[in-house]
Protein backbone atom coordinates (compact mmCIF):
# COMPACT_ATOMS: atom_id res chain seq x y z
CA MET A 1 -0.01 0.00 -0.01
CA TYR A 2 1.29 3.44 -0.95
CA HIS A 3 0.78 5.88 1.92
CA GLN A 4 1.46 9.61 1.92
CA THR A 5 0.65 12.39 4.41
CA VAL A 6 0.34 16.00 3.28
CA VAL A 7 0.27 18.66 6.02
CA LYS A 8 -0.70 22.27 5.33
CA PRO A 9 -0.88 25.27 7.69
CA ASN A 10 -4.66 25.70 7.58
CA ALA A 11 -7.92 24.30 6.24
CA GLU A 12 -7.96 26.51 3.15
CA GLU A 13 -4.55 25.26 2.01
CA VAL A 14 -5.62 21.66 2.72
CA ALA A 15 -8.63 22.13 0.44
CA ILE A 16 -6.42 23.63 -2.29
CA ALA A 17 -3.87 20.84 -2.06
CA ALA A 18 -6.57 18.18 -2.09
CA THR A 19 -8.27 19.79 -5.07
CA GLU A 20 -5.00 19.83 -7.04
CA TRP A 21 -4.40 16.18 -6.14
CA LEU A 22 -7.95 15.24 -7.11
CA ILE A 23 -7.70 16.91 -10.52
CA GLU A 24 -4.38 15.21 -11.24
CA THR A 25 -5.70 11.82 -10.16
CA ILE A 26 -8.83 12.18 -12.29
CA GLN A 27 -6.63 13.01 -15.27
CA GLU A 28 -4.57 9.87 -14.63
CA CYS A 29 -7.75 7.75 -14.53
CA LEU A 30 -9.14 9.29 -17.73
CA ALA A 31 -5.86 8.78 -19.53
CA ALA A 32 -5.66 5.15 -18.41
CA ARG A 33 -9.28 4.05 -18.76
CA GLY A 34 -11.30 6.87 -20.31
CA GLN A 35 -13.51 7.17 -17.24
CA CYS A 36 -13.32 7.86 -13.52
CA SER A 37 -15.49 7.15 -10.49
CA ILE A 38 -15.36 9.23 -7.29
CA ALA A 39 -17.05 8.51 -3.96
CA LEU A 40 -17.85 11.85 -2.32
CA SER A 41 -17.71 12.75 1.35
CA GLY A 42 -19.67 15.21 3.43
CA GLY A 43 -18.00 17.67 5.79
CA SER A 44 -16.60 21.20 5.78
CA THR A 45 -13.21 20.45 4.19
CA PRO A 46 -14.68 18.44 1.27
CA LYS A 47 -17.29 21.20 0.87
CA ARG A 48 -14.55 23.73 0.25
CA LEU A 49 -12.97 21.32 -2.24
CA TYR A 50 -16.26 21.17 -4.15
CA GLN A 51 -16.45 24.98 -4.17
CA LEU A 52 -12.94 25.21 -5.54
CA ILE A 53 -13.76 22.82 -8.35
CA ALA A 54 -16.77 24.94 -9.31
CA GLU A 55 -14.75 28.15 -9.09
CA ASN A 56 -11.91 26.81 -11.22
CA GLU A 57 -13.45 24.76 -13.98
CA THR A 58 -10.69 23.21 -16.06
CA GLU A 59 -11.35 23.12 -19.77
CA SER A 60 -8.89 20.27 -20.21
CA LEU A 61 -10.80 18.00 -17.83
CA ASP A 62 -13.83 16.20 -19.23
CA TRP A 63 -16.12 15.89 -16.23
CA SER A 64 -18.75 14.21 -18.41
CA GLN A 65 -16.61 11.04 -18.17
CA VAL A 66 -16.53 11.26 -14.38
CA THR A 67 -19.19 9.50 -12.31
CA LEU A 68 -19.91 10.70 -8.79
CA ILE A 69 -21.20 8.27 -6.20
CA TRP A 70 -21.75 8.71 -2.47
CA GLY A 71 -19.50 7.44 0.25
CA ASP A 72 -22.40 7.90 2.63
CA GLU A 73 -25.67 9.70 2.89
CA ARG A 74 -28.13 10.71 5.58
CA ASN A 75 -31.48 8.94 5.49
CA VAL A 76 -33.28 12.14 4.48
CA PRO A 77 -34.73 13.48 1.22
CA PRO A 78 -32.18 15.05 -1.18
CA GLU A 79 -33.47 18.57 -0.58
CA HIS A 80 -33.08 18.25 3.20
CA VAL A 81 -30.59 20.54 4.92
CA ASP A 82 -28.73 17.51 6.34
CA SER A 83 -28.40 15.75 2.98
CA ASN A 84 -24.85 15.30 1.68
CA TYR A 85 -26.25 15.54 -1.85
CA ASN A 86 -27.87 18.87 -0.99
CA MET A 87 -24.54 20.19 0.33
CA VAL A 88 -22.62 19.10 -2.78
CA ARG A 89 -25.36 20.50 -5.04
CA GLU A 90 -25.14 23.94 -3.42
CA ALA A 91 -21.34 23.97 -3.28
CA TRP A 92 -20.68 22.55 -6.75
CA PHE A 93 -23.46 21.58 -9.15
CA ASP A 94 -25.57 24.76 -8.88
CA ARG A 95 -22.51 26.86 -9.73
CA LEU A 96 -21.81 25.15 -13.06
CA ASP A 97 -22.81 26.61 -16.43
CA PRO A 98 -23.45 23.78 -18.91
CA LYS A 99 -23.94 26.33 -21.73
CA LYS A 100 -20.49 27.75 -21.12
CA ASN A 101 -18.81 24.38 -20.67
CA PRO A 102 -20.91 21.24 -21.37
CA LYS A 103 -18.01 19.04 -20.23
CA SER A 104 -18.13 20.57 -16.74
CA ILE A 105 -21.10 18.41 -15.72
CA PRO A 106 -20.25 15.06 -14.12
CA ARG A 107 -22.54 12.06 -14.11
CA ILE A 108 -24.22 11.41 -10.75
CA LEU A 109 -25.34 8.10 -9.35
CA GLN A 110 -27.65 9.40 -6.68
CA VAL A 111 -28.83 7.37 -3.69
CA GLY A 112 -32.59 6.80 -3.89
CA ILE A 113 -33.60 7.50 -0.32
CA ASP A 114 -36.43 5.42 1.19
CA VAL A 115 -36.94 7.03 4.60
CA LYS A 116 -39.23 4.22 5.81
CA ALA A 117 -37.06 1.38 4.46
CA PRO A 118 -33.38 2.42 4.42
CA GLU A 119 -32.25 -1.19 4.04
CA ARG A 120 -34.14 -1.40 0.76
CA ALA A 121 -32.63 1.87 -0.47
CA ALA A 122 -29.12 0.61 0.39
CA ALA A 123 -29.68 -2.67 -1.42
CA ARG A 124 -30.85 -0.84 -4.55
CA TYR A 125 -27.80 1.40 -4.50
CA GLU A 126 -25.49 -1.56 -4.00
CA GLU A 127 -26.87 -3.16 -7.16
CA GLN A 128 -26.37 0.08 -9.08
CA LEU A 129 -22.76 0.21 -7.92
CA LYS A 130 -22.16 -3.35 -9.14
CA GLU A 131 -23.60 -2.43 -12.54
CA LEU A 132 -21.63 0.79 -12.82
CA LEU A 133 -18.20 -0.08 -11.49
CA ILE A 134 -15.58 -2.36 -13.01
CA SER A 135 -14.13 -5.36 -11.22
CA ASP A 136 -10.56 -6.58 -11.69
CA ASP A 137 -10.44 -10.33 -12.35
CA GLU A 138 -6.73 -10.41 -11.50
CA ARG A 139 -7.23 -9.33 -7.87
CA ASP A 140 -7.97 -11.63 -4.97
CA ASP A 141 -11.14 -9.61 -4.26
CA ALA A 142 -12.26 -9.80 -7.90
CA ASP A 143 -15.92 -9.80 -6.90
CA ILE A 144 -15.59 -6.30 -5.40
CA PRO A 145 -16.00 -3.50 -7.96
CA LEU A 146 -13.33 -0.81 -8.03
CA ILE A 147 -13.86 2.86 -7.21
CA ASP A 148 -11.12 5.06 -8.63
CA ILE A 149 -11.16 7.68 -5.86
CA VAL A 150 -12.75 7.63 -2.39
CA LEU A 151 -12.83 10.88 -0.43
CA LEU A 152 -13.24 10.50 3.34
CA GLY A 153 -13.54 12.66 6.39
CA LEU A 154 -12.78 11.75 9.98
CA GLY A 155 -14.98 12.37 13.00
CA ASP A 156 -13.77 13.29 16.48
CA ASP A 157 -14.78 9.74 17.43
CA ALA A 158 -12.64 8.27 14.60
CA HIS A 159 -15.62 7.37 12.44
CA THR A 160 -15.38 7.74 8.67
CA ALA A 161 -18.08 7.70 6.00
CA SER A 162 -20.98 6.48 8.22
CA LEU A 163 -18.97 3.72 9.84
CA PHE A 164 -19.50 4.68 13.47
CA PRO A 165 -18.07 3.03 16.58
CA GLU A 166 -19.77 -0.16 17.77
CA THR A 167 -22.19 -0.33 14.82
CA GLU A 168 -23.20 -3.33 12.73
CA ALA A 169 -21.66 -2.08 9.45
CA LEU A 170 -18.17 -2.51 10.94
CA LYS A 171 -18.61 -6.29 10.84
CA GLU A 172 -19.64 -6.36 7.18
CA SER A 173 -17.38 -8.43 4.92
CA ASN A 174 -19.61 -9.04 1.89
CA ARG A 175 -21.99 -6.12 1.39
CA LEU A 176 -20.73 -3.00 -0.38
CA PHE A 177 -23.30 -0.45 0.70
CA VAL A 178 -25.54 -0.77 3.76
CA ALA A 179 -28.01 1.02 5.97
CA ASN A 180 -26.23 1.48 9.29
CA PHE A 181 -28.20 2.33 12.41
CA ILE A 182 -26.39 4.91 14.54
CA PRO A 183 -27.65 4.65 18.16
CA LYS A 184 -26.38 8.07 19.27
CA PHE A 185 -28.42 9.71 16.55
CA SER A 186 -31.32 7.20 16.74
CA ALA A 187 -31.17 7.20 12.94
CA TYR A 188 -29.99 5.27 9.92
CA ARG A 189 -27.26 6.40 7.59
CA LEU A 190 -26.39 4.77 4.30
CA THR A 191 -22.73 4.05 3.72
CA LEU A 192 -20.06 2.29 1.75
CA THR A 193 -18.48 -0.54 3.74
CA ALA A 194 -14.81 -1.10 4.50
CA PRO A 195 -14.34 -3.85 1.86
CA ILE A 196 -15.28 -1.64 -1.11
CA ILE A 197 -13.32 1.33 0.25
CA ASN A 198 -10.24 -0.84 0.72
CA ALA A 199 -10.57 -2.12 -2.87
CA ALA A 200 -10.38 1.44 -4.28
CA ARG A 201 -7.45 2.65 -6.36
CA ASN A 202 -7.09 5.87 -4.35
CA VAL A 203 -8.37 6.76 -0.89
CA ALA A 204 -7.93 10.23 0.64
CA PHE A 205 -8.75 11.46 4.13
CA LEU A 206 -9.35 15.21 4.40
CA VAL A 207 -9.09 16.26 8.07
CA CYS A 208 -8.80 19.68 9.69
CA GLY A 209 -9.02 21.12 13.18
CA ALA A 210 -7.53 20.54 16.62
CA SER A 211 -10.60 18.51 17.71
CA LYS A 212 -9.58 15.84 15.17
CA ARG A 213 -6.03 15.53 16.52
CA PRO A 214 -6.67 12.56 18.92
CA ALA A 215 -8.60 10.68 16.23
CA VAL A 216 -5.85 11.17 13.66
CA ASP A 217 -3.26 9.97 16.16
CA VAL A 218 -5.12 6.84 17.21
CA VAL A 219 -6.04 5.87 13.63
CA MET A 220 -2.43 6.21 12.49
CA HIS A 221 -0.61 4.90 15.54
CA GLY A 222 -3.06 2.80 17.55
CA PRO A 223 -3.78 0.99 19.76
CA ARG A 224 -5.76 -0.95 17.20
CA HIS A 225 -9.41 -1.33 18.14
CA PRO A 226 -11.44 -0.83 14.93
CA ASP A 227 -14.76 -1.43 16.69
CA GLU A 228 -13.94 1.64 18.76
CA TYR A 229 -11.99 3.53 16.07
CA PRO A 230 -13.65 2.56 12.76
CA ALA A 231 -11.30 4.52 10.48
CA GLN A 232 -8.62 1.99 11.41
CA LEU A 233 -10.48 -0.41 9.08
CA ILE A 234 -9.40 1.68 6.08
CA GLU A 235 -6.29 0.01 4.70
CA PRO A 236 -6.35 -0.10 0.88
CA LYS A 237 -4.94 -3.44 -0.26
CA LEU A 238 -3.38 -2.38 -3.55
CA GLY A 239 -4.42 1.24 -3.76
CA ARG A 240 -2.87 4.50 -2.59
CA LEU A 241 -3.81 6.08 0.75
CA TRP A 242 -3.47 9.82 1.28
CA TRP A 243 -3.94 11.96 4.38
CA PHE A 244 -4.51 15.69 3.83
CA LEU A 245 -4.19 17.39 7.24
CA ASP A 246 -3.91 20.88 8.59
CA ALA A 247 -1.29 21.63 11.20
CA ALA A 248 -3.80 21.57 14.04
CA ALA A 249 -5.03 18.06 13.23
CA ALA A 250 -1.50 16.80 12.47
CA SER A 251 0.43 18.03 15.50
CA GLU A 252 0.71 14.58 17.11
CA VAL A 253 1.65 13.05 13.76
CA LEU A 254 4.41 15.63 13.28
CA LYS A 255 5.88 14.78 16.66
């Protein structure tokens, strides 16, 4: 596994560095395979990344060959204030001008929320992912489709995507996308599971703020208790793992 940590002075520079990395990685994927899939994350740092993409449309990048999927989603309608889709739409999609640049519009595989039956919505999305994404017959996990790029955040409790401490989704070894009940919120969230994230070609954590410092430290350096610190489950088998951190989140790592 290739592993690299990038530390910047503040959240804005983290977002800029992550955006530059993302554009370069998309270009690599398009050059190699003519298409690219990206699993998006919620959170303030990814939000700024989405804004930067919208503000700096690149004519040389054909977003129409890029498919956006969702690393996780709240079990709410897409127009809801808590919806990750709604956040990305406001930060990115609504700021695009297809008349000015038709190639600026990515394809979107949106989660079909079923508030009363989140398990059913997750199963439908899992089937869509299997149809969309390509598997690699030469890999040991050939039955797991490959995502080109997975963007992740990190919670103060060391959760990532919607893989929260002591929840059922942490035990999943076969499913790719599940409805995970989060007791502390008394609510379901829909999320990619560790197996499909670990099969990805590129995985990037975007983490900022002093409150995230203990979580970053324990995920990187242990002790290893993934039921308590779920982000420890993220260990890409053959892909590249990146950490984009600001100085406040990275201070223990720098020591």
